[in-house]
């Protein structure tokens, strides 16, 4: 069974790599992509610790609610593990 995750709702200042419309939304991990240097640290020239990167699948219903024209269509986003919490 796919693992369900929620994107954290934090709004830190500075350069972040997660669209605001995904924050607080729940999806499923479609696959793990491996560890990569954290781009949020690289953007400031800081040493970048490796973070796991995941492809997370969201339904249009989850993202847009009743405004979704095709509620069962999906959107995949690549999201670093520090932005995700298990549901």
PDB file of N, CA and C in Angstrom:
ATOM      1  N   UNK A   1       0.849  -1.180   0.000  1.00  0.00           N
ATOM      2  CA  UNK A   1       0.000   0.000   0.000  1.00  0.00           C
ATOM      3  C   UNK A   1       0.896   1.245   0.000  1.00  0.00           C
ATOM      4  N   UNK A   2       0.614   2.237  -0.843  1.00  0.00           N
ATOM      5  CA  UNK A   2       1.430   3.451  -0.890  1.00  0.00           C
ATOM      6  C   UNK A   2       1.401   4.209   0.441  1.00  0.00           C
ATOM      7  N   UNK A   3       2.527   4.792   0.779  1.00  0.00           N
ATOM      8  CA  UNK A   3       2.615   5.546   2.026  1.00  0.00           C
ATOM      9  C   UNK A   3       1.995   6.931   1.861  1.00  0.00           C
ATOM     10  N   UNK A   4       1.073   7.268   2.763  1.00  0.00           N
ATOM     11  CA  UNK A   4       0.412   8.573   2.730  1.00  0.00           C
ATOM     12  C   UNK A   4       1.241   9.577   3.514  1.00  0.00           C
ATOM     13  N   UNK A   5       1.398  10.752   2.941  1.00  0.00           N
ATOM     14  CA  UNK A   5       2.164  11.818   3.575  1.00  0.00           C
ATOM     15  C   UNK A   5       1.428  13.146   3.428  1.00  0.00           C
ATOM     16  N   UNK A   6       1.757  14.063   4.316  1.00  0.00           N
ATOM     17  CA  UNK A   6       1.213  15.423   4.247  1.00  0.00           C
ATOM     18  C   UNK A   6       2.393  16.380   4.134  1.00  0.00           C
ATOM     19  N   UNK A   7       2.226  17.384   3.297  1.00  0.00           N
ATOM     20  CA  UNK A   7       3.249  18.419   3.166  1.00  0.00           C
ATOM     21  C   UNK A   7       3.101  19.365   4.360  1.00  0.00           C
ATOM     22  N   UNK A   8       4.204  19.659   5.014  1.00  0.00           N
ATOM     23  CA  UNK A   8       4.172  20.544   6.175  1.00  0.00           C
ATOM     24  C   UNK A   8       3.656  21.924   5.777  1.00  0.00           C
ATOM     25  N   UNK A   9       3.013  22.583   6.712  1.00  0.00           N
ATOM     26  CA  UNK A   9       2.412  23.897   6.445  1.00  0.00           C
ATOM     27  C   UNK A   9       3.302  25.054   6.877  1.00  0.00           C
ATOM     28  N   UNK A  10       4.533  24.770   7.216  1.00  0.00           N
ATOM     29  CA  UNK A  10       5.433  25.843   7.654  1.00  0.00           C
ATOM     30  C   UNK A  10       5.661  26.854   6.533  1.00  0.00           C
ATOM     31  N   UNK A  11       5.913  28.081   6.908  1.00  0.00           N
ATOM     32  CA  UNK A  11       6.167  29.155   5.941  1.00  0.00           C
ATOM     33  C   UNK A  11       7.483  29.842   6.318  1.00  0.00           C
ATOM     34  N   UNK A  12       8.605  29.145   6.159  1.00  0.00           N
ATOM     35  CA  UNK A  12       9.866  29.750   6.541  1.00  0.00           C
ATOM     36  C   UNK A  12      10.254  30.880   5.576  1.00  0.00           C
ATOM     37  N   UNK A  13      11.000  31.852   6.080  1.00  0.00           N
ATOM     38  CA  UNK A  13      11.464  32.913   5.189  1.00  0.00           C
ATOM     39  C   UNK A  13      12.553  32.373   4.266  1.00  0.00           C
ATOM     40  N   UNK A  14      12.776  33.065   3.176  1.00  0.00           N
ATOM     41  CA  UNK A  14      13.887  32.713   2.304  1.00  0.00           C
ATOM     42  C   UNK A  14      13.490  31.800   1.166  1.00  0.00           C
ATOM     43  N   UNK A  15      14.510  31.186   0.613  1.00  0.00           N
ATOM     44  CA  UNK A  15      14.371  30.330  -0.569  1.00  0.00           C
ATOM     45  C   UNK A  15      13.871  28.948  -0.154  1.00  0.00           C
ATOM     46  N   UNK A  16      12.680  28.577  -0.565  1.00  0.00           N
ATOM     47  CA  UNK A  16      12.150  27.241  -0.290  1.00  0.00           C
ATOM     48  C   UNK A  16      11.743  26.582  -1.595  1.00  0.00           C
ATOM     49  N   UNK A  17      11.707  25.257  -1.594  1.00  0.00           N
ATOM     50  CA  UNK A  17      11.470  24.514  -2.821  1.00  0.00           C
ATOM     51  C   UNK A  17      10.154  23.749  -2.793  1.00  0.00           C
ATOM     52  N   UNK A  18       9.128  24.352  -2.209  1.00  0.00           N
ATOM     53  CA  UNK A  18       7.823  23.694  -2.173  1.00  0.00           C
ATOM     54  C   UNK A  18       6.747  24.719  -2.509  1.00  0.00           C
ATOM     55  N   UNK A  19       5.933  24.469  -3.516  1.00  0.00           N
ATOM     56  CA  UNK A  19       4.877  25.427  -3.851  1.00  0.00           C
ATOM     57  C   UNK A  19       3.883  25.598  -2.695  1.00  0.00           C
ATOM     58  N   UNK A  20       3.459  26.809  -2.473  1.00  0.00           N
ATOM     59  CA  UNK A  20       2.523  27.108  -1.380  1.00  0.00           C
ATOM     60  C   UNK A  20       1.222  26.313  -1.526  1.00  0.00           C
ATOM     61  N   UNK A  21       0.763  26.060  -2.758  1.00  0.00           N
ATOM     62  CA  UNK A  21      -0.512  25.361  -2.932  1.00  0.00           C
ATOM     63  C   UNK A  21      -0.446  23.889  -2.511  1.00  0.00           C
ATOM     64  N   UNK A  22       0.764  23.350  -2.288  1.00  0.00           N
ATOM     65  CA  UNK A  22       0.891  21.971  -1.825  1.00  0.00           C
ATOM     66  C   UNK A  22       0.971  21.872  -0.303  1.00  0.00           C
ATOM     67  N   UNK A  23       1.240  22.966   0.370  1.00  0.00           N
ATOM     68  CA  UNK A  23       1.405  22.933   1.825  1.00  0.00           C
ATOM     69  C   UNK A  23       0.088  22.555   2.506  1.00  0.00           C
ATOM     70  N   UNK A  24       0.184  21.575   3.400  1.00  0.00           N
ATOM     71  CA  UNK A  24      -0.994  21.085   4.109  1.00  0.00           C
ATOM     72  C   UNK A  24      -1.769  20.015   3.360  1.00  0.00           C
ATOM     73  N   UNK A  25      -1.378  19.717   2.134  1.00  0.00           N
ATOM     74  CA  UNK A  25      -2.102  18.732   1.323  1.00  0.00           C
ATOM     75  C   UNK A  25      -1.540  17.336   1.545  1.00  0.00           C
ATOM     76  N   UNK A  26      -2.399  16.332   1.355  1.00  0.00           N
ATOM     77  CA  UNK A  26      -2.038  14.935   1.562  1.00  0.00           C
ATOM     78  C   UNK A  26      -1.941  14.231   0.217  1.00  0.00           C
ATOM     79  N   UNK A  27      -0.892  13.428   0.083  1.00  0.00           N
ATOM     80  CA  UNK A  27      -0.705  12.637  -1.124  1.00  0.00           C
ATOM     81  C   UNK A  27      -0.086  11.301  -0.769  1.00  0.00           C
ATOM     82  N   UNK A  28       0.321  10.556  -1.782  1.00  0.00           N
ATOM     83  CA  UNK A  28       0.981   9.270  -1.567  1.00  0.00           C
ATOM     84  C   UNK A  28       2.347   9.307  -2.243  1.00  0.00           C
ATOM     85  N   UNK A  29       3.303   8.640  -1.607  1.00  0.00           N
ATOM     86  CA  UNK A  29       4.629   8.547  -2.213  1.00  0.00           C
ATOM     87  C   UNK A  29       4.538   7.599  -3.397  1.00  0.00           C
ATOM     88  N   UNK A  30       4.816   8.127  -4.561  1.00  0.00           N
ATOM     89  CA  UNK A  30       4.803   7.328  -5.784  1.00  0.00           C
ATOM     90  C   UNK A  30       6.110   6.553  -5.896  1.00  0.00           C
ATOM     91  N   UNK A  31       7.225   7.199  -5.503  1.00  0.00           N
ATOM     92  CA  UNK A  31       8.522   6.511  -5.444  1.00  0.00           C
ATOM     93  C   UNK A  31       9.558   7.385  -4.754  1.00  0.00           C
ATOM     94  N   UNK A  32      10.568   6.729  -4.216  1.00  0.00           N
ATOM     95  CA  UNK A  32      11.730   7.424  -3.658  1.00  0.00           C
ATOM     96  C   UNK A  32      12.721   7.637  -4.798  1.00  0.00           C
ATOM     97  N   UNK A  33      13.322   8.823  -4.842  1.00  0.00           N
ATOM     98  CA  UNK A  33      14.251   9.157  -5.921  1.00  0.00           C
ATOM     99  C   UNK A  33      15.707   9.146  -5.483  1.00  0.00           C
ATOM    100  N   UNK A  34      15.945   9.011  -4.179  1.00  0.00           N
ATOM    101  CA  UNK A  34      17.314   8.962  -3.668  1.00  0.00           C
ATOM    102  C   UNK A  34      17.665  10.218  -2.899  1.00  0.00           C
ATOM    103  N   UNK A  35      18.860  10.238  -2.318  1.00  0.00           N
ATOM    104  CA  UNK A  35      19.298  11.423  -1.568  1.00  0.00           C
ATOM    105  C   UNK A  35      19.970  12.439  -2.492  1.00  0.00           C
ATOM    106  N   UNK A  36      19.693  13.717  -2.226  1.00  0.00           N
ATOM    107  CA  UNK A  36      20.291  14.810  -2.991  1.00  0.00           C
ATOM    108  C   UNK A  36      20.623  15.939  -2.032  1.00  0.00           C
ATOM    109  N   UNK A  37      21.612  16.768  -2.369  1.00  0.00           N
ATOM    110  CA  UNK A  37      21.913  17.925  -1.523  1.00  0.00           C
ATOM    111  C   UNK A  37      20.691  18.845  -1.425  1.00  0.00           C
ATOM    112  N   UNK A  38      20.474  19.382  -0.237  1.00  0.00           N
ATOM    113  CA  UNK A  38      19.319  20.246   0.019  1.00  0.00           C
ATOM    114  C   UNK A  38      19.469  21.566  -0.749  1.00  0.00           C
ATOM    115  N   UNK A  39      18.618  21.820  -1.757  1.00  0.00           N
ATOM    116  CA  UNK A  39      18.739  23.041  -2.557  1.00  0.00           C
ATOM    117  C   UNK A  39      18.433  24.306  -1.769  1.00  0.00           C
ATOM    118  N   UNK A  40      17.697  24.183  -0.678  1.00  0.00           N
ATOM    119  CA  UNK A  40      17.392  25.356   0.146  1.00  0.00           C
ATOM    120  C   UNK A  40      18.651  25.861   0.839  1.00  0.00           C
ATOM    121  N   UNK A  41      19.595  24.975   1.130  1.00  0.00           N
ATOM    122  CA  UNK A  41      20.878  25.371   1.698  1.00  0.00           C
ATOM    123  C   UNK A  41      21.824  25.830   0.592  1.00  0.00           C
ATOM    124  N   UNK A  42      21.827  25.122  -0.528  1.00  0.00           N
ATOM    125  CA  UNK A  42      22.705  25.480  -1.647  1.00  0.00           C
ATOM    126  C   UNK A  42      22.427  26.893  -2.152  1.00  0.00           C
ATOM    127  N   UNK A  43      21.172  27.316  -2.113  1.00  0.00           N
ATOM    128  CA  UNK A  43      20.793  28.643  -2.607  1.00  0.00           C
ATOM    129  C   UNK A  43      21.513  29.758  -1.864  1.00  0.00           C
ATOM    130  N   UNK A  44      21.933  29.492  -0.620  1.00  0.00           N
ATOM    131  CA  UNK A  44      22.626  30.487   0.193  1.00  0.00           C
ATOM    132  C   UNK A  44      24.119  30.203   0.311  1.00  0.00           C
ATOM    133  N   UNK A  45      24.617  29.258  -0.489  1.00  0.00           N
ATOM    134  CA  UNK A  45      26.028  28.933  -0.459  1.00  0.00           C
ATOM    135  C   UNK A  45      26.444  28.189   0.801  1.00  0.00           C
ATOM    136  N   UNK A  46      25.486  27.551   1.477  1.00  0.00           N
ATOM    137  CA  UNK A  46      25.770  26.803   2.701  1.00  0.00           C
ATOM    138  C   UNK A  46      26.105  25.351   2.366  1.00  0.00           C
ATOM    139  N   UNK A  47      26.845  24.685   3.251  1.00  0.00           N
ATOM    140  CA  UNK A  47      27.037  23.247   3.043  1.00  0.00           C
ATOM    141  C   UNK A  47      25.668  22.563   3.044  1.00  0.00           C
ATOM    142  N   UNK A  48      25.446  21.720   2.069  1.00  0.00           N
ATOM    143  CA  UNK A  48      24.116  21.125   1.894  1.00  0.00           C
ATOM    144  C   UNK A  48      24.117  19.666   2.313  1.00  0.00           C
ATOM    145  N   UNK A  49      23.399  19.373   3.374  1.00  0.00           N
ATOM    146  CA  UNK A  49      23.222  17.984   3.791  1.00  0.00           C
ATOM    147  C   UNK A  49      22.321  17.268   2.791  1.00  0.00           C
ATOM    148  N   UNK A  50      22.579  15.997   2.577  1.00  0.00           N
ATOM    149  CA  UNK A  50      21.720  15.225   1.676  1.00  0.00           C
ATOM    150  C   UNK A  50      20.374  14.982   2.328  1.00  0.00           C
ATOM    151  N   UNK A  51      19.343  15.100   1.526  1.00  0.00           N
ATOM    152  CA  UNK A  51      17.961  14.869   1.958  1.00  0.00           C
ATOM    153  C   UNK A  51      17.332  13.870   0.985  1.00  0.00           C
ATOM    154  N   UNK A  52      16.474  12.970   1.484  1.00  0.00           N
ATOM    155  CA  UNK A  52      15.774  12.081   0.553  1.00  0.00           C
ATOM    156  C   UNK A  52      14.762  12.885  -0.272  1.00  0.00           C
ATOM    157  N   UNK A  53      14.689  12.560  -1.544  1.00  0.00           N
ATOM    158  CA  UNK A  53      13.749  13.215  -2.449  1.00  0.00           C
ATOM    159  C   UNK A  53      12.710  12.182  -2.875  1.00  0.00           C
ATOM    160  N   UNK A  54      11.444  12.589  -2.855  1.00  0.00           N
ATOM    161  CA  UNK A  54      10.336  11.685  -3.184  1.00  0.00           C
ATOM    162  C   UNK A  54       9.478  12.294  -4.281  1.00  0.00           C
ATOM    163  N   UNK A  55       8.887  11.422  -5.088  1.00  0.00           N
ATOM    164  CA  UNK A  55       7.837  11.856  -6.000  1.00  0.00           C
ATOM    165  C   UNK A  55       6.525  11.556  -5.289  1.00  0.00           C
ATOM    166  N   UNK A  56       5.745  12.613  -5.039  1.00  0.00           N
ATOM    167  CA  UNK A  56       4.495  12.494  -4.288  1.00  0.00           C
ATOM    168  C   UNK A  56       3.338  12.794  -5.237  1.00  0.00           C
ATOM    169  N   UNK A  57       2.320  11.956  -5.192  1.00  0.00           N
ATOM    170  CA  UNK A  57       1.151  12.087  -6.077  1.00  0.00           C
ATOM    171  C   UNK A  57      -0.047  12.616  -5.286  1.00  0.00           C
ATOM    172  N   UNK A  58      -0.650  13.663  -5.843  1.00  0.00           N
ATOM    173  CA  UNK A  58      -1.830  14.299  -5.252  1.00  0.00           C
ATOM    174  C   UNK A  58      -2.977  14.212  -6.248  1.00  0.00           C
ATOM    175  N   UNK A  59      -4.210  14.047  -5.750  1.00  0.00           N
ATOM    176  CA  UNK A  59      -5.368  14.120  -6.644  1.00  0.00           C
ATOM    177  C   UNK A  59      -5.785  15.586  -6.778  1.00  0.00           C
ATOM    178  N   UNK A  60      -6.420  15.890  -7.876  1.00  0.00           N
ATOM    179  CA  UNK A  60      -6.931  17.250  -8.079  1.00  0.00           C
ATOM    180  C   UNK A  60      -7.976  17.586  -7.022  1.00  0.00           C
ATOM    181  N   UNK A  61      -8.744  16.583  -6.600  1.00  0.00           N
ATOM    182  CA  UNK A  61      -9.724  16.797  -5.545  1.00  0.00           C
ATOM    183  C   UNK A  61      -9.036  17.277  -4.266  1.00  0.00           C
ATOM    184  N   UNK A  62      -7.907  16.654  -3.915  1.00  0.00           N
ATOM    185  CA  UNK A  62      -7.165  17.067  -2.715  1.00  0.00           C
ATOM    186  C   UNK A  62      -6.636  18.496  -2.866  1.00  0.00           C
ATOM    187  N   UNK A  63      -6.161  18.828  -4.042  1.00  0.00           N
ATOM    188  CA  UNK A  63      -5.561  20.150  -4.244  1.00  0.00           C
ATOM    189  C   UNK A  63      -6.585  21.263  -4.388  1.00  0.00           C
ATOM    190  N   UNK A  64      -7.666  21.015  -5.124  1.00  0.00           N
ATOM    191  CA  UNK A  64      -8.581  22.104  -5.484  1.00  0.00           C
ATOM    192  C   UNK A  64     -10.009  21.914  -4.990  1.00  0.00           C
ATOM    193  N   UNK A  65     -10.311  20.779  -4.356  1.00  0.00           N
ATOM    194  CA  UNK A  65     -11.650  20.556  -3.814  1.00  0.00           C
ATOM    195  C   UNK A  65     -12.720  20.596  -4.889  1.00  0.00           C
ATOM    196  N   UNK A  66     -13.827  21.269  -4.620  1.00  0.00           N
ATOM    197  CA  UNK A  66     -14.954  21.299  -5.554  1.00  0.00           C
ATOM    198  C   UNK A  66     -14.639  22.063  -6.835  1.00  0.00           C
ATOM    199  N   UNK A  67     -13.549  22.828  -6.847  1.00  0.00           N
ATOM    200  CA  UNK A  67     -13.158  23.558  -8.059  1.00  0.00           C
ATOM    201  C   UNK A  67     -12.426  22.671  -9.060  1.00  0.00           C
ATOM    202  N   UNK A  68     -12.096  21.435  -8.680  1.00  0.00           N
ATOM    203  CA  UNK A  68     -11.376  20.533  -9.576  1.00  0.00           C
ATOM    204  C   UNK A  68     -12.293  20.081 -10.706  1.00  0.00           C
ATOM    205  N   UNK A  69     -11.880  20.354 -11.931  1.00  0.00           N
ATOM    206  CA  UNK A  69     -12.679  19.955 -13.090  1.00  0.00           C
ATOM    207  C   UNK A  69     -12.699  18.436 -13.250  1.00  0.00           C
ATOM    208  N   UNK A  70     -11.553  17.795 -12.996  1.00  0.00           N
ATOM    209  CA  UNK A  70     -11.425  16.335 -13.077  1.00  0.00           C
ATOM    210  C   UNK A  70     -10.825  15.857 -11.756  1.00  0.00           C
ATOM    211  N   UNK A  71     -11.664  15.628 -10.748  1.00  0.00           N
ATOM    212  CA  UNK A  71     -11.187  15.351  -9.386  1.00  0.00           C
ATOM    213  C   UNK A  71     -10.234  14.169  -9.251  1.00  0.00           C
ATOM    214  N   UNK A  72     -10.334  13.178 -10.139  1.00  0.00           N
ATOM    215  CA  UNK A  72      -9.482  11.994 -10.025  1.00  0.00           C
ATOM    216  C   UNK A  72      -8.162  12.111 -10.780  1.00  0.00           C
ATOM    217  N   UNK A  73      -7.973  13.175 -11.562  1.00  0.00           N
ATOM    218  CA  UNK A  73      -6.682  13.393 -12.197  1.00  0.00           C
ATOM    219  C   UNK A  73      -5.640  13.634 -11.107  1.00  0.00           C
ATOM    220  N   UNK A  74      -4.372  13.456 -11.447  1.00  0.00           N
ATOM    221  CA  UNK A  74      -3.321  13.584 -10.448  1.00  0.00           C
ATOM    222  C   UNK A  74      -2.241  14.566 -10.882  1.00  0.00           C
ATOM    223  N   UNK A  75      -1.511  15.024  -9.892  1.00  0.00           N
ATOM    224  CA  UNK A  75      -0.331  15.860 -10.086  1.00  0.00           C
ATOM    225  C   UNK A  75       0.781  15.213  -9.283  1.00  0.00           C
ATOM    226  N   UNK A  76       1.951  15.029  -9.892  1.00  0.00           N
ATOM    227  CA  UNK A  76       3.124  14.516  -9.192  1.00  0.00           C
ATOM    228  C   UNK A  76       4.083  15.665  -8.942  1.00  0.00           C
ATOM    229  N   UNK A  77       4.642  15.700  -7.742  1.00  0.00           N
ATOM    230  CA  UNK A  77       5.621  16.724  -7.377  1.00  0.00           C
ATOM    231  C   UNK A  77       6.797  16.054  -6.695  1.00  0.00           C
ATOM    232  N   UNK A  78       8.002  16.535  -6.982  1.00  0.00           N
ATOM    233  CA  UNK A  78       9.196  16.025  -6.315  1.00  0.00           C
ATOM    234  C   UNK A  78       9.445  16.885  -5.086  1.00  0.00           C
ATOM    235  N   UNK A  79       9.419  16.230  -3.907  1.00  0.00           N
ATOM    236  CA  UNK A  79       9.449  16.936  -2.632  1.00  0.00           C
ATOM    237  C   UNK A  79      10.502  16.306  -1.730  1.00  0.00           C
ATOM    238  N   UNK A  80      11.313  17.149  -1.117  1.00  0.00           N
ATOM    239  CA  UNK A  80      12.330  16.674  -0.181  1.00  0.00           C
ATOM    240  C   UNK A  80      11.684  16.205   1.119  1.00  0.00           C
ATOM    241  N   UNK A  81      12.295  15.180   1.720  1.00  0.00           N
ATOM    242  CA  UNK A  81      11.749  14.523   2.898  1.00  0.00           C
ATOM    243  C   UNK A  81      11.513  15.440   4.081  1.00  0.00           C
ATOM    244  N   UNK A  82      12.313  16.505   4.243  1.00  0.00           N
ATOM    245  CA  UNK A  82      12.119  17.387   5.399  1.00  0.00           C
ATOM    246  C   UNK A  82      10.833  18.203   5.306  1.00  0.00           C
ATOM    247  N   UNK A  83      10.161  18.164   4.162  1.00  0.00           N
ATOM    248  CA  UNK A  83       8.868  18.839   3.988  1.00  0.00           C
ATOM    249  C   UNK A  83       7.691  17.911   4.228  1.00  0.00           C
ATOM    250  N   UNK A  84       7.938  16.634   4.462  1.00  0.00           N
ATOM    251  CA  UNK A  84       6.851  15.651   4.541  1.00  0.00           C
ATOM    252  C   UNK A  84       6.697  15.095   5.960  1.00  0.00           C
ATOM    253  N   UNK A  85       5.450  14.778   6.309  1.00  0.00           N
ATOM    254  CA  UNK A  85       5.168  14.076   7.552  1.00  0.00           C
ATOM    255  C   UNK A  85       4.212  12.940   7.240  1.00  0.00           C
ATOM    256  N   UNK A  86       4.391  11.802   7.936  1.00  0.00           N
ATOM    257  CA  UNK A  86       3.524  10.653   7.719  1.00  0.00           C
ATOM    258  C   UNK A  86       2.112  10.962   8.195  1.00  0.00           C
ATOM    259  N   UNK A  87       1.138  10.418   7.478  1.00  0.00           N
ATOM    260  CA  UNK A  87      -0.275  10.584   7.857  1.00  0.00           C
ATOM    261  C   UNK A  87      -0.731   9.301   8.518  1.00  0.00           C
TER     262      UNK A  87
END
